[in-house]
PDB file of N, CA and C in Angstrom:
ATOM      1  N   MET A   1      42.408  72.587  56.665  1.00  0.00           N
ATOM      2  CA  MET A   1      42.893  73.654  57.553  1.00  0.00           C
ATOM      3  C   MET A   1      41.886  74.819  57.564  1.00  0.00           C
ATOM      4  N   LYS A   2      41.442  75.214  56.372  1.00  0.00           N
ATOM      5  CA  LYS A   2      40.493  76.340  56.306  1.00  0.00           C
ATOM      6  C   LYS A   2      39.190  75.992  57.010  1.00  0.00           C
ATOM      7  N   LYS A   3      38.739  74.735  56.870  1.00  0.00           N
ATOM      8  CA  LYS A   3      37.488  74.325  57.519  1.00  0.00           C
ATOM      9  C   LYS A   3      37.599  74.488  59.029  1.00  0.00           C
ATOM     10  N   MET A   4      38.750  74.153  59.602  1.00  0.00           N
ATOM     11  CA  MET A   4      38.930  74.265  61.052  1.00  0.00           C
ATOM     12  C   MET A   4      38.829  75.734  61.472  1.00  0.00           C
ATOM     13  N   ILE A   5      39.446  76.618  60.684  1.00  0.00           N
ATOM     14  CA  ILE A   5      39.408  78.052  61.007  1.00  0.00           C
ATOM     15  C   ILE A   5      37.965  78.561  60.941  1.00  0.00           C
ATOM     16  N   LEU A   6      37.243  78.141  59.885  1.00  0.00           N
ATOM     17  CA  LEU A   6      35.845  78.568  59.738  1.00  0.00           C
ATOM     18  C   LEU A   6      35.013  78.036  60.893  1.00  0.00           C
ATOM     19  N   PHE A   7      35.294  76.793  61.302  1.00  0.00           N
ATOM     20  CA  PHE A   7      34.541  76.177  62.403  1.00  0.00           C
ATOM     21  C   PHE A   7      34.751  76.966  63.691  1.00  0.00           C
ATOM     22  N   VAL A   8      36.008  77.277  64.008  1.00  0.00           N
ATOM     23  CA  VAL A   8      36.317  78.043  65.227  1.00  0.00           C
ATOM     24  C   VAL A   8      35.715  79.445  65.135  1.00  0.00           C
ATOM     25  N   ALA A   9      35.814  80.062  63.959  1.00  0.00           N
ATOM     26  CA  ALA A   9      35.266  81.413  63.772  1.00  0.00           C
ATOM     27  C   ALA A   9      33.751  81.387  63.954  1.00  0.00           C
ATOM     28  N   GLY A  10      33.104  80.338  63.443  1.00  0.00           N
ATOM     29  CA  GLY A  10      31.649  80.222  63.566  1.00  0.00           C
ATOM     30  C   GLY A  10      31.226  80.127  65.026  1.00  0.00           C
ATOM     31  N   ILE A  11      31.970  79.330  65.807  1.00  0.00           N
ATOM     32  CA  ILE A  11      31.653  79.180  67.234  1.00  0.00           C
ATOM     33  C   ILE A  11      31.860  80.516  67.953  1.00  0.00           C
ATOM     34  N   PHE A  12      32.964  81.208  67.627  1.00  0.00           N
ATOM     35  CA  PHE A  12      33.269  82.486  68.267  1.00  0.00           C
ATOM     36  C   PHE A  12      32.180  83.513  67.970  1.00  0.00           C
ATOM     37  N   VAL A  13      31.781  83.604  66.696  1.00  0.00           N
ATOM     38  CA  VAL A  13      30.736  84.563  66.298  1.00  0.00           C
ATOM     39  C   VAL A  13      29.409  84.186  66.956  1.00  0.00           C
ATOM     40  N   GLY A  14      29.104  82.884  66.968  1.00  0.00           N
ATOM     41  CA  GLY A  14      27.847  82.426  67.563  1.00  0.00           C
ATOM     42  C   GLY A  14      27.775  82.766  69.043  1.00  0.00           C
ATOM     43  N   SER A  15      28.873  82.523  69.770  1.00  0.00           N
ATOM     44  CA  SER A  15      28.883  82.804  71.208  1.00  0.00           C
ATOM     45  C   SER A  15      28.805  84.313  71.452  1.00  0.00           C
ATOM     46  N   ALA A  16      29.477  85.091  70.604  1.00  0.00           N
ATOM     47  CA  ALA A  16      29.461  86.551  70.754  1.00  0.00           C
ATOM     48  C   ALA A  16      28.043  87.076  70.560  1.00  0.00           C
ATOM     49  N   VAL A  17      27.358  86.565  69.524  1.00  0.00           N
ATOM     50  CA  VAL A  17      25.977  86.993  69.258  1.00  0.00           C
ATOM     51  C   VAL A  17      25.083  86.602  70.432  1.00  0.00           C
ATOM     52  N   GLY A  18      25.313  85.415  70.997  1.00  0.00           N
ATOM     53  CA  GLY A  18      24.513  84.955  72.130  1.00  0.00           C
ATOM     54  C   GLY A  18      24.694  85.876  73.333  1.00  0.00           C
ATOM     55  N   VAL A  19      25.930  86.265  73.606  1.00  0.00           N
ATOM     56  CA  VAL A  19      26.204  87.155  74.748  1.00  0.00           C
ATOM     57  C   VAL A  19      25.537  88.511  74.529  1.00  0.00           C
ATOM     58  N   ILE A  20      25.651  89.041  73.309  1.00  0.00           N
ATOM     59  CA  ILE A  20      25.041  90.342  72.998  1.00  0.00           C
ATOM     60  C   ILE A  20      23.524  90.254  73.157  1.00  0.00           C
ATOM     61  N   ALA A  21      22.940  89.146  72.666  1.00  0.00           N
ATOM     62  CA  ALA A  21      21.486  88.970  72.767  1.00  0.00           C
ATOM     63  C   ALA A  21      21.066  88.926  74.239  1.00  0.00           C
ATOM     64  N   MET A  22      21.830  88.231  75.072  1.00  0.00           N
ATOM     65  CA  MET A  22      21.507  88.142  76.499  1.00  0.00           C
ATOM     66  C   MET A  22      21.565  89.532  77.139  1.00  0.00           C
ATOM     67  N   CYS A  23      22.577  90.323  76.774  1.00  0.00           N
ATOM     68  CA  CYS A  23      22.719  91.674  77.328  1.00  0.00           C
ATOM     69  C   CYS A  23      21.514  92.523  76.941  1.00  0.00           C
ATOM     70  N   ILE A  24      21.089  92.414  75.677  1.00  0.00           N
ATOM     71  CA  ILE A  24      19.944  93.197  75.199  1.00  0.00           C
ATOM     72  C   ILE A  24      18.687  92.794  75.971  1.00  0.00           C
ATOM     73  N   LEU A  25      18.502  91.487  76.177  1.00  0.00           N
ATOM     74  CA  LEU A  25      17.321  91.013  76.910  1.00  0.00           C
ATOM     75  C   LEU A  25      17.342  91.539  78.342  1.00  0.00           C
ATOM     76  N   GLN A  26      18.508  91.531  78.984  1.00  0.00           N
ATOM     77  CA  GLN A  26      18.618  92.009  80.363  1.00  0.00           C
ATOM     78  C   GLN A  26      18.270  93.497  80.438  1.00  0.00           C
ATOM     79  N   VAL A  27      18.732  94.273  79.465  1.00  0.00           N
ATOM     80  CA  VAL A  27      18.466  95.717  79.458  1.00  0.00           C
ATOM     81  C   VAL A  27      16.979  95.970  79.226  1.00  0.00           C
ATOM     82  N   ASN A  28      16.369  95.199  78.314  1.00  0.00           N
ATOM     83  CA  ASN A  28      14.945  95.397  77.999  1.00  0.00           C
ATOM     84  C   ASN A  28      14.060  95.068  79.200  1.00  0.00           C
ATOM     85  N   ARG A  29      14.486  94.132  80.038  1.00  0.00           N
ATOM     86  CA  ARG A  29      13.668  93.745  81.194  1.00  0.00           C
ATOM     87  C   ARG A  29      13.587  94.879  82.216  1.00  0.00           C
ATOM     88  N   LYS A  30      14.646  95.675  82.358  1.00  0.00           N
ATOM     89  CA  LYS A  30      14.683  96.732  83.373  1.00  0.00           C
ATOM     90  C   LYS A  30      13.776  97.916  83.068  1.00  0.00           C
TER      91      LYS A  30
END
């Protein structure tokens, strides 16, 4: 059960970091 929670949390954190990184790249380009 804990592994499933960690797995979902890892995906959520990974996607959040990816979105933030994309936003930073877009701002730096302007």
